[in-house]
Amino acid sequence: MLDFFDGLQLGASSKSAYVSLAAKEMAMLAIEMGAKPSSFAIGSHAWLSDLLTTSFGSSRNRSFGEYIGMGLSVEEALNKLKSQKR
Protein backbone atom coordinates (compact mmCIF):
# COMPACT_ATOMS: atom_id res chain seq x y z
CA MET A 1 0.00 0.00 0.00
CA LEU A 2 2.90 2.36 0.58
CA ASP A 3 3.51 2.17 -3.12
CA PHE A 4 0.26 4.10 -3.42
CA PHE A 5 1.75 6.74 -1.11
CA ASP A 6 4.78 6.96 -3.41
CA GLY A 7 2.52 7.31 -6.42
CA LEU A 8 0.87 10.25 -4.68
CA GLN A 9 4.33 11.58 -3.75
CA LEU A 10 3.62 11.55 -0.01
CA GLY A 11 6.52 11.53 2.41
CA ALA A 12 8.08 9.15 4.89
CA SER A 13 6.01 10.42 7.82
CA SER A 14 2.79 9.50 6.04
CA LYS A 15 4.15 6.06 5.20
CA SER A 16 5.38 5.46 8.75
CA ALA A 17 2.03 6.39 10.26
CA TYR A 18 0.26 4.05 7.85
CA VAL A 19 2.60 1.13 8.58
CA SER A 20 2.12 1.64 12.31
CA LEU A 21 -1.67 1.59 11.99
CA ALA A 22 -1.62 -1.34 9.57
CA ALA A 23 0.57 -3.39 11.90
CA LYS A 24 -1.75 -2.73 14.82
CA GLU A 25 -4.84 -3.66 12.81
CA MET A 26 -3.20 -6.80 11.41
CA ALA A 27 -2.36 -7.98 14.91
CA MET A 28 -5.83 -7.19 16.24
CA LEU A 29 -7.51 -9.03 13.36
CA ALA A 30 -5.24 -12.06 13.62
CA ILE A 31 -5.80 -12.32 17.39
CA GLU A 32 -9.55 -12.00 16.91
CA MET A 33 -9.34 -14.84 14.39
CA GLY A 34 -7.49 -17.05 16.87
CA ALA A 35 -3.80 -16.20 16.62
CA LYS A 36 -1.78 -16.14 19.80
CA PRO A 37 -0.98 -12.60 20.97
CA SER A 38 2.63 -13.70 21.51
CA SER A 39 2.92 -14.07 17.73
CA PHE A 40 2.92 -10.29 17.53
CA ALA A 41 5.33 -9.59 20.36
CA ILE A 42 8.40 -7.55 19.58
CA GLY A 43 10.48 -10.72 19.62
CA SER A 44 8.49 -12.21 16.74
CA HIS A 45 9.65 -10.42 13.62
CA ALA A 46 8.31 -12.63 10.82
CA TRP A 47 4.98 -10.87 10.44
CA LEU A 48 6.53 -7.41 10.63
CA SER A 49 9.27 -8.34 8.17
CA ASP A 50 6.67 -9.47 5.67
CA LEU A 51 4.73 -6.22 6.06
CA LEU A 52 7.84 -4.07 5.69
CA THR A 53 9.20 -6.02 2.72
CA THR A 54 5.94 -5.60 0.86
CA SER A 55 5.73 -1.95 1.86
CA PHE A 56 9.27 -0.86 1.12
CA GLY A 57 10.76 -3.61 -1.05
CA SER A 58 10.88 -4.09 -4.77
CA SER A 59 7.99 -6.43 -5.55
CA ARG A 60 5.32 -6.71 -8.20
CA ASN A 61 2.65 -5.96 -5.59
CA ARG A 62 4.42 -2.80 -4.55
CA SER A 63 4.94 -1.68 -8.16
CA PHE A 64 1.28 -2.34 -8.95
CA GLY A 65 0.14 -0.14 -6.07
CA GLU A 66 2.52 2.62 -7.08
CA TYR A 67 1.13 2.59 -10.63
CA ILE A 68 -2.40 2.80 -9.28
CA GLY A 69 -1.33 5.71 -7.07
CA MET A 70 0.08 7.43 -10.17
CA GLY A 71 -3.37 7.27 -11.74
CA LEU A 72 -3.01 4.27 -14.03
CA SER A 73 -6.01 2.00 -14.39
CA VAL A 74 -5.80 -1.58 -13.16
CA GLU A 75 -5.43 -2.76 -16.75
CA GLU A 76 -2.69 -0.23 -17.51
CA ALA A 77 -0.82 -1.15 -14.32
CA LEU A 78 -1.04 -4.87 -15.14
CA ASN A 79 0.18 -4.27 -18.68
CA LYS A 80 3.10 -2.21 -17.38
CA LEU A 81 4.03 -5.03 -14.99
CA LYS A 82 3.87 -7.59 -17.80
CA SER A 83 6.29 -5.53 -19.88
CA GLN A 84 8.88 -5.41 -17.07
CA LYS A 85 11.39 -8.13 -16.44
CA ARG A 86 12.24 -8.91 -12.83
PDB file of N, CA and C in Angstrom:
ATOM      1  N   MET A   1       0.805  -1.198   0.000  1.00  0.00           N
ATOM      2  CA  MET A   1       0.000   0.000   0.000  1.00  0.00           C
ATOM      3  C   MET A   1       0.849   1.262   0.000  1.00  0.00           C
ATOM      4  N   LEU A   2       2.057   1.169   0.552  1.00  0.00           N
ATOM      5  CA  LEU A   2       2.904   2.355   0.579  1.00  0.00           C
ATOM      6  C   LEU A   2       3.311   2.781  -0.813  1.00  0.00           C
ATOM      7  N   ASP A   3       3.266   1.843  -1.735  1.00  0.00           N
ATOM      8  CA  ASP A   3       3.514   2.167  -3.118  1.00  0.00           C
ATOM      9  C   ASP A   3       2.508   3.213  -3.598  1.00  0.00           C
ATOM     10  N   PHE A   4       1.294   3.120  -3.105  1.00  0.00           N
ATOM     11  CA  PHE A   4       0.264   4.097  -3.422  1.00  0.00           C
ATOM     12  C   PHE A   4       0.678   5.467  -2.892  1.00  0.00           C
ATOM     13  N   PHE A   5       1.259   5.484  -1.684  1.00  0.00           N
ATOM     14  CA  PHE A   5       1.745   6.735  -1.111  1.00  0.00           C
ATOM     15  C   PHE A   5       2.834   7.329  -1.998  1.00  0.00           C
ATOM     16  N   ASP A   6       3.723   6.476  -2.517  1.00  0.00           N
ATOM     17  CA  ASP A   6       4.778   6.962  -3.408  1.00  0.00           C
ATOM     18  C   ASP A   6       4.191   7.506  -4.698  1.00  0.00           C
ATOM     19  N   GLY A   7       3.179   6.834  -5.206  1.00  0.00           N
ATOM     20  CA  GLY A   7       2.524   7.310  -6.422  1.00  0.00           C
ATOM     21  C   GLY A   7       1.902   8.681  -6.231  1.00  0.00           C
ATOM     22  N   LEU A   8       1.442   8.941  -5.008  1.00  0.00           N
ATOM     23  CA  LEU A   8       0.868  10.252  -4.676  1.00  0.00           C
ATOM     24  C   LEU A   8       1.939  11.241  -4.216  1.00  0.00           C
ATOM     25  N   GLN A   9       3.183  10.787  -4.166  1.00  0.00           N
ATOM     26  CA  GLN A   9       4.330  11.585  -3.755  1.00  0.00           C
ATOM     27  C   GLN A   9       4.190  12.103  -2.326  1.00  0.00           C
ATOM     28  N   LEU A  10       3.694  11.218  -1.428  1.00  0.00           N
ATOM     29  CA  LEU A  10       3.616  11.552  -0.013  1.00  0.00           C
ATOM     30  C   LEU A  10       4.924  11.152   0.650  1.00  0.00           C
ATOM     31  N   GLY A  11       5.231  11.738   1.770  1.00  0.00           N
ATOM     32  CA  GLY A  11       6.524  11.534   2.414  1.00  0.00           C
ATOM     33  C   GLY A  11       6.599  10.373   3.377  1.00  0.00           C
ATOM     34  N   ALA A  12       7.784  10.248   3.975  1.00  0.00           N
ATOM     35  CA  ALA A  12       8.079   9.147   4.892  1.00  0.00           C
ATOM     36  C   ALA A  12       7.198   9.174   6.133  1.00  0.00           C
ATOM     37  N   SER A  13       6.855  10.341   6.626  1.00  0.00           N
ATOM     38  CA  SER A  13       6.009  10.422   7.818  1.00  0.00           C
ATOM     39  C   SER A  13       4.634   9.815   7.559  1.00  0.00           C
ATOM     40  N   SER A  14       4.089  10.080   6.397  1.00  0.00           N
ATOM     41  CA  SER A  14       2.786   9.503   6.038  1.00  0.00           C
ATOM     42  C   SER A  14       2.879   7.987   5.950  1.00  0.00           C
ATOM     43  N   LYS A  15       3.954   7.497   5.333  1.00  0.00           N
ATOM     44  CA  LYS A  15       4.147   6.058   5.202  1.00  0.00           C
ATOM     45  C   LYS A  15       4.342   5.405   6.573  1.00  0.00           C
ATOM     46  N   SER A  16       5.128   6.023   7.420  1.00  0.00           N
ATOM     47  CA  SER A  16       5.383   5.462   8.747  1.00  0.00           C
ATOM     48  C   SER A  16       4.101   5.379   9.570  1.00  0.00           C
ATOM     49  N   ALA A  17       3.297   6.403   9.523  1.00  0.00           N
ATOM     50  CA  ALA A  17       2.027   6.393  10.256  1.00  0.00           C
ATOM     51  C   ALA A  17       1.129   5.277   9.740  1.00  0.00           C
ATOM     52  N   TYR A  18       1.092   5.100   8.435  1.00  0.00           N
ATOM     53  CA  TYR A  18       0.260   4.052   7.849  1.00  0.00           C
ATOM     54  C   TYR A  18       0.741   2.662   8.252  1.00  0.00           C
ATOM     55  N   VAL A  19       2.060   2.433   8.206  1.00  0.00           N
ATOM     56  CA  VAL A  19       2.603   1.128   8.580  1.00  0.00           C
ATOM     57  C   VAL A  19       2.285   0.831  10.037  1.00  0.00           C
ATOM     58  N   SER A  20       2.410   1.825  10.885  1.00  0.00           N
ATOM     59  CA  SER A  20       2.119   1.644  12.306  1.00  0.00           C
ATOM     60  C   SER A  20       0.660   1.235  12.514  1.00  0.00           C
ATOM     61  N   LEU A  21      -0.248   1.923  11.868  1.00  0.00           N
ATOM     62  CA  LEU A  21      -1.671   1.588  11.992  1.00  0.00           C
ATOM     63  C   LEU A  21      -1.982   0.235  11.371  1.00  0.00           C
ATOM     64  N   ALA A  22      -1.372  -0.048  10.229  1.00  0.00           N
ATOM     65  CA  ALA A  22      -1.616  -1.335   9.568  1.00  0.00           C
ATOM     66  C   ALA A  22      -1.128  -2.489  10.424  1.00  0.00           C
ATOM     67  N   ALA A  23       0.036  -2.339  11.035  1.00  0.00           N
ATOM     68  CA  ALA A  23       0.572  -3.392  11.897  1.00  0.00           C
ATOM     69  C   ALA A  23      -0.353  -3.647  13.078  1.00  0.00           C
ATOM     70  N   LYS A  24      -0.836  -2.590  13.682  1.00  0.00           N
ATOM     71  CA  LYS A  24      -1.754  -2.726  14.823  1.00  0.00           C
ATOM     72  C   LYS A  24      -3.031  -3.446  14.400  1.00  0.00           C
ATOM     73  N   GLU A  25      -3.595  -3.039  13.277  1.00  0.00           N
ATOM     74  CA  GLU A  25      -4.842  -3.657  12.808  1.00  0.00           C
ATOM     75  C   GLU A  25      -4.631  -5.107  12.397  1.00  0.00           C
ATOM     76  N   MET A  26      -3.484  -5.407  11.779  1.00  0.00           N
ATOM     77  CA  MET A  26      -3.197  -6.796  11.405  1.00  0.00           C
ATOM     78  C   MET A  26      -3.146  -7.680  12.645  1.00  0.00           C
ATOM     79  N   ALA A  27      -2.472  -7.206  13.673  1.00  0.00           N
ATOM     80  CA  ALA A  27      -2.361  -7.978  14.909  1.00  0.00           C
ATOM     81  C   ALA A  27      -3.731  -8.162  15.553  1.00  0.00           C
ATOM     82  N   MET A  28      -4.499  -7.105  15.627  1.00  0.00           N
ATOM     83  CA  MET A  28      -5.834  -7.193  16.241  1.00  0.00           C
ATOM     84  C   MET A  28      -6.715  -8.178  15.487  1.00  0.00           C
ATOM     85  N   LEU A  29      -6.705  -8.128  14.170  1.00  0.00           N
ATOM     86  CA  LEU A  29      -7.510  -9.033  13.363  1.00  0.00           C
ATOM     87  C   LEU A  29      -7.071 -10.478  13.544  1.00  0.00           C
ATOM     88  N   ALA A  30      -5.764 -10.697  13.478  1.00  0.00           N
ATOM     89  CA  ALA A  30      -5.241 -12.059  13.624  1.00  0.00           C
ATOM     90  C   ALA A  30      -5.590 -12.641  14.992  1.00  0.00           C
ATOM     91  N   ILE A  31      -5.462 -11.848  16.042  1.00  0.00           N
ATOM     92  CA  ILE A  31      -5.800 -12.316  17.391  1.00  0.00           C
ATOM     93  C   ILE A  31      -7.287 -12.617  17.495  1.00  0.00           C
ATOM     94  N   GLU A  32      -8.095 -11.768  16.914  1.00  0.00           N
ATOM     95  CA  GLU A  32      -9.549 -11.996  16.913  1.00  0.00           C
ATOM     96  C   GLU A  32      -9.902 -13.284  16.179  1.00  0.00           C
ATOM     97  N   MET A  33      -9.089 -13.630  15.174  1.00  0.00           N
ATOM     98  CA  MET A  33      -9.338 -14.844  14.394  1.00  0.00           C
ATOM     99  C   MET A  33      -8.683 -16.076  15.011  1.00  0.00           C
ATOM    100  N   GLY A  34      -8.017 -15.902  16.160  1.00  0.00           N
ATOM    101  CA  GLY A  34      -7.491 -17.053  16.871  1.00  0.00           C
ATOM    102  C   GLY A  34      -5.987 -17.135  17.012  1.00  0.00           C
ATOM    103  N   ALA A  35      -5.258 -16.178  16.468  1.00  0.00           N
ATOM    104  CA  ALA A  35      -3.798 -16.203  16.617  1.00  0.00           C
ATOM    105  C   ALA A  35      -3.419 -15.909  18.063  1.00  0.00           C
ATOM    106  N   LYS A  36      -2.273 -16.405  18.459  1.00  0.00           N
ATOM    107  CA  LYS A  36      -1.779 -16.136  19.804  1.00  0.00           C
ATOM    108  C   LYS A  36      -1.200 -14.727  19.850  1.00  0.00           C
ATOM    109  N   PRO A  37      -1.549 -13.956  20.859  1.00  0.00           N
ATOM    110  CA  PRO A  37      -0.984 -12.601  20.972  1.00  0.00           C
ATOM    111  C   PRO A  37       0.545 -12.592  20.966  1.00  0.00           C
ATOM    112  N   SER A  38       1.160 -13.653  21.483  1.00  0.00           N
ATOM    113  CA  SER A  38       2.626 -13.700  21.510  1.00  0.00           C
ATOM    114  C   SER A  38       3.234 -13.722  20.105  1.00  0.00           C
ATOM    115  N   SER A  39       2.432 -14.080  19.108  1.00  0.00           N
ATOM    116  CA  SER A  39       2.923 -14.075  17.728  1.00  0.00           C
ATOM    117  C   SER A  39       3.284 -12.665  17.269  1.00  0.00           C
ATOM    118  N   PHE A  40       2.721 -11.677  17.936  1.00  0.00           N
ATOM    119  CA  PHE A  40       2.920 -10.289  17.530  1.00  0.00           C
ATOM    120  C   PHE A  40       3.767  -9.510  18.521  1.00  0.00           C
ATOM    121  N   ALA A  41       4.418 -10.227  19.423  1.00  0.00           N
ATOM    122  CA  ALA A  41       5.327  -9.587  20.361  1.00  0.00           C
ATOM    123  C   ALA A  41       6.544  -9.067  19.615  1.00  0.00           C
ATOM    124  N   ILE A  42       7.247  -8.152  20.230  1.00  0.00           N
ATOM    125  CA  ILE A  42       8.403  -7.546  19.579  1.00  0.00           C
ATOM    126  C   ILE A  42       9.465  -8.577  19.202  1.00  0.00           C
ATOM    127  N   GLY A  43       9.508  -9.677  19.923  1.00  0.00           N
ATOM    128  CA  GLY A  43      10.483 -10.723  19.622  1.00  0.00           C
ATOM    129  C   GLY A  43      10.139 -11.560  18.408  1.00  0.00           C
ATOM    130  N   SER A  44       8.919 -11.450  17.910  1.00  0.00           N
ATOM    131  CA  SER A  44       8.494 -12.206  16.739  1.00  0.00           C
ATOM    132  C   SER A  44       8.471 -11.268  15.542  1.00  0.00           C
ATOM    133  N   HIS A  45       9.476 -11.388  14.707  1.00  0.00           N
ATOM    134  CA  HIS A  45       9.646 -10.418  13.616  1.00  0.00           C
ATOM    135  C   HIS A  45       9.114 -10.882  12.265  1.00  0.00           C
ATOM    136  N   ALA A  46       8.701 -12.120  12.134  1.00  0.00           N
ATOM    137  CA  ALA A  46       8.313 -12.633  10.821  1.00  0.00           C
ATOM    138  C   ALA A  46       7.154 -11.848  10.214  1.00  0.00           C
ATOM    139  N   TRP A  47       6.143 -11.585  10.975  1.00  0.00           N
ATOM    140  CA  TRP A  47       4.976 -10.874  10.441  1.00  0.00           C
ATOM    141  C   TRP A  47       5.329  -9.440  10.073  1.00  0.00           C
ATOM    142  N   LEU A  48       6.146  -8.792  10.900  1.00  0.00           N
ATOM    143  CA  LEU A  48       6.529  -7.413  10.625  1.00  0.00           C
ATOM    144  C   LEU A  48       7.475  -7.345   9.427  1.00  0.00           C
ATOM    145  N   SER A  49       8.365  -8.304   9.318  1.00  0.00           N
ATOM    146  CA  SER A  49       9.273  -8.344   8.171  1.00  0.00           C
ATOM    147  C   SER A  49       8.497  -8.470   6.870  1.00  0.00           C
ATOM    148  N   ASP A  50       7.482  -9.303   6.867  1.00  0.00           N
ATOM    149  CA  ASP A  50       6.665  -9.469   5.668  1.00  0.00           C
ATOM    150  C   ASP A  50       5.968  -8.162   5.305  1.00  0.00           C
ATOM    151  N   LEU A  51       5.403  -7.502   6.299  1.00  0.00           N
ATOM    152  CA  LEU A  51       4.730  -6.220   6.063  1.00  0.00           C
ATOM    153  C   LEU A  51       5.702  -5.188   5.519  1.00  0.00           C
ATOM    154  N   LEU A  52       6.871  -5.080   6.119  1.00  0.00           N
ATOM    155  CA  LEU A  52       7.838  -4.072   5.689  1.00  0.00           C
ATOM    156  C   LEU A  52       8.429  -4.383   4.319  1.00  0.00           C
ATOM    157  N   THR A  53       8.668  -5.656   4.032  1.00  0.00           N
ATOM    158  CA  THR A  53       9.200  -6.024   2.721  1.00  0.00           C
ATOM    159  C   THR A  53       8.215  -5.652   1.616  1.00  0.00           C
ATOM    160  N   THR A  54       6.956  -5.951   1.846  1.00  0.00           N
ATOM    161  CA  THR A  54       5.943  -5.598   0.857  1.00  0.00           C
ATOM    162  C   THR A  54       5.807  -4.085   0.736  1.00  0.00           C
ATOM    163  N   SER A  55       5.911  -3.397   1.856  1.00  0.00           N
ATOM    164  CA  SER A  55       5.734  -1.949   1.859  1.00  0.00           C
ATOM    165  C   SER A  55       6.893  -1.198   1.225  1.00  0.00           C
ATOM    166  N   PHE A  56       8.103  -1.619   1.531  1.00  0.00           N
ATOM    167  CA  PHE A  56       9.269  -0.858   1.117  1.00  0.00           C
ATOM    168  C   PHE A  56      10.145  -1.564   0.091  1.00  0.00           C
ATOM    169  N   GLY A  57       9.912  -2.834  -0.153  1.00  0.00           N
ATOM    170  CA  GLY A  57      10.762  -3.613  -1.045  1.00  0.00           C
ATOM    171  C   GLY A  57      10.472  -3.362  -2.516  1.00  0.00           C
ATOM    172  N   SER A  58      11.046  -4.196  -3.331  1.00  0.00           N
ATOM    173  CA  SER A  58      10.879  -4.093  -4.775  1.00  0.00           C
ATOM    174  C   SER A  58      10.120  -5.330  -5.254  1.00  0.00           C
ATOM    175  N   SER A  59       8.811  -5.283  -5.156  1.00  0.00           N
ATOM    176  CA  SER A  59       7.992  -6.427  -5.549  1.00  0.00           C
ATOM    177  C   SER A  59       6.957  -6.001  -6.581  1.00  0.00           C
ATOM    178  N   ARG A  60       6.381  -6.988  -7.231  1.00  0.00           N
ATOM    179  CA  ARG A  60       5.323  -6.705  -8.205  1.00  0.00           C
ATOM    180  C   ARG A  60       4.117  -6.065  -7.515  1.00  0.00           C
ATOM    181  N   ASN A  61       3.784  -6.534  -6.311  1.00  0.00           N
ATOM    182  CA  ASN A  61       2.648  -5.958  -5.592  1.00  0.00           C
ATOM    183  C   ASN A  61       2.889  -4.481  -5.292  1.00  0.00           C
ATOM    184  N   ARG A  62       4.097  -4.180  -4.868  1.00  0.00           N
ATOM    185  CA  ARG A  62       4.424  -2.798  -4.554  1.00  0.00           C
ATOM    186  C   ARG A  62       4.376  -1.935  -5.809  1.00  0.00           C
ATOM    187  N   SER A  63       4.957  -2.428  -6.898  1.00  0.00           N
ATOM    188  CA  SER A  63       4.937  -1.678  -8.158  1.00  0.00           C
ATOM    189  C   SER A  63       3.515  -1.447  -8.641  1.00  0.00           C
ATOM    190  N   PHE A  64       2.681  -2.471  -8.531  1.00  0.00           N
ATOM    191  CA  PHE A  64       1.285  -2.341  -8.947  1.00  0.00           C
ATOM    192  C   PHE A  64       0.599  -1.210  -8.183  1.00  0.00           C
ATOM    193  N   GLY A  65       0.762  -1.194  -6.877  1.00  0.00           N
ATOM    194  CA  GLY A  65       0.143  -0.143  -6.067  1.00  0.00           C
ATOM    195  C   GLY A  65       0.665   1.237  -6.409  1.00  0.00           C
ATOM    196  N   GLU A  66       1.955   1.328  -6.708  1.00  0.00           N
ATOM    197  CA  GLU A  66       2.525   2.624  -7.082  1.00  0.00           C
ATOM    198  C   GLU A  66       1.915   3.113  -8.395  1.00  0.00           C
ATOM    199  N   TYR A  67       1.754   2.207  -9.352  1.00  0.00           N
ATOM    200  CA  TYR A  67       1.134   2.592 -10.629  1.00  0.00           C
ATOM    201  C   TYR A  67      -0.307   3.068 -10.431  1.00  0.00           C
ATOM    202  N   ILE A  68      -1.027   2.381  -9.565  1.00  0.00           N
ATOM    203  CA  ILE A  68      -2.403   2.802  -9.275  1.00  0.00           C
ATOM    204  C   ILE A  68      -2.391   4.189  -8.636  1.00  0.00           C
ATOM    205  N   GLY A  69      -1.463   4.409  -7.707  1.00  0.00           N
ATOM    206  CA  GLY A  69      -1.329   5.713  -7.070  1.00  0.00           C
ATOM    207  C   GLY A  69      -0.972   6.815  -8.045  1.00  0.00           C
ATOM    208  N   MET A  70      -0.290   6.453  -9.144  1.00  0.00           N
ATOM    209  CA  MET A  70       0.075   7.433 -10.171  1.00  0.00           C
ATOM    210  C   MET A  70      -1.097   7.747 -11.089  1.00  0.00           C
ATOM    211  N   GLY A  71      -2.192   6.998 -10.928  1.00  0.00           N
ATOM    212  CA  GLY A  71      -3.370   7.272 -11.735  1.00  0.00           C
ATOM    213  C   GLY A  71      -3.619   6.295 -12.867  1.00  0.00           C
ATOM    214  N   LEU A  72      -2.767   5.267 -12.994  1.00  0.00           N
ATOM    215  CA  LEU A  72      -3.009   4.270 -14.034  1.00  0.00           C
ATOM    216  C   LEU A  72      -4.220   3.424 -13.656  1.00  0.00           C
ATOM    217  N   SER A  73      -4.905   2.928 -14.646  1.00  0.00           N
ATOM    218  CA  SER A  73      -6.007   2.002 -14.387  1.00  0.00           C
ATOM    219  C   SER A  73      -5.421   0.643 -14.013  1.00  0.00           C
ATOM    220  N   VAL A  74      -6.253  -0.239 -13.499  1.00  0.00           N
ATOM    221  CA  VAL A  74      -5.798  -1.581 -13.160  1.00  0.00           C
ATOM    222  C   VAL A  74      -5.216  -2.251 -14.398  1.00  0.00           C
ATOM    223  N   GLU A  75      -5.910  -2.139 -15.513  1.00  0.00           N
ATOM    224  CA  GLU A  75      -5.433  -2.764 -16.753  1.00  0.00           C
ATOM    225  C   GLU A  75      -4.097  -2.179 -17.194  1.00  0.00           C
ATOM    226  N   GLU A  76      -3.956  -0.861 -17.122  1.00  0.00           N
ATOM    227  CA  GLU A  76      -2.693  -0.229 -17.509  1.00  0.00           C
ATOM    228  C   GLU A  76      -1.553  -0.669 -16.590  1.00  0.00           C
ATOM    229  N   ALA A  77      -1.840  -0.734 -15.284  1.00  0.00           N
ATOM    230  CA  ALA A  77      -0.816  -1.151 -14.324  1.00  0.00           C
ATOM    231  C   ALA A  77      -0.387  -2.594 -14.585  1.00  0.00           C
ATOM    232  N   LEU A  78      -1.357  -3.466 -14.847  1.00  0.00           N
ATOM    233  CA  LEU A  78      -1.037  -4.866 -15.144  1.00  0.00           C
ATOM    234  C   LEU A  78      -0.208  -4.990 -16.412  1.00  0.00           C
ATOM    235  N   ASN A  79      -0.575  -4.240 -17.428  1.00  0.00           N
ATOM    236  CA  ASN A  79       0.181  -4.272 -18.682  1.00  0.00           C
ATOM    237  C   ASN A  79       1.617  -3.779 -18.472  1.00  0.00           C
ATOM    238  N   LYS A  80       1.766  -2.742 -17.656  1.00  0.00           N
ATOM    239  CA  LYS A  80       3.099  -2.211 -17.381  1.00  0.00           C
ATOM    240  C   LYS A  80       3.936  -3.259 -16.640  1.00  0.00           C
ATOM    241  N   LEU A  81       3.318  -3.970 -15.709  1.00  0.00           N
ATOM    242  CA  LEU A  81       4.030  -5.030 -14.987  1.00  0.00           C
ATOM    243  C   LEU A  81       4.439  -6.151 -15.925  1.00  0.00           C
ATOM    244  N   LYS A  82       3.568  -6.513 -16.857  1.00  0.00           N
ATOM    245  CA  LYS A  82       3.870  -7.591 -17.798  1.00  0.00           C
ATOM    246  C   LYS A  82       5.049  -7.239 -18.690  1.00  0.00           C
ATOM    247  N   SER A  83       5.217  -5.955 -18.976  1.00  0.00           N
ATOM    248  CA  SER A  83       6.289  -5.529 -19.877  1.00  0.00           C
ATOM    249  C   SER A  83       7.646  -5.434 -19.170  1.00  0.00           C
ATOM    250  N   GLN A  84       7.634  -5.494 -17.841  1.00  0.00           N
ATOM    251  CA  GLN A  84       8.877  -5.409 -17.072  1.00  0.00           C
ATOM    252  C   GLN A  84       9.431  -6.792 -16.805  1.00  0.00           C
ATOM    253  N   LYS A  85      10.728  -6.871 -16.805  1.00  0.00           N
ATOM    254  CA  LYS A  85      11.394  -8.129 -16.436  1.00  0.00           C
ATOM    255  C   LYS A  85      11.975  -7.962 -15.044  1.00  0.00           C
ATOM    256  N   ARG A  86      11.713  -8.937 -14.193  1.00  0.00           N
ATOM    257  CA  ARG A  86      12.244  -8.910 -12.826  1.00  0.00           C
ATOM    258  C   ARG A  86      13.149 -10.063 -12.635  1.00  0.00           C
TER     259      ARG A  86
END
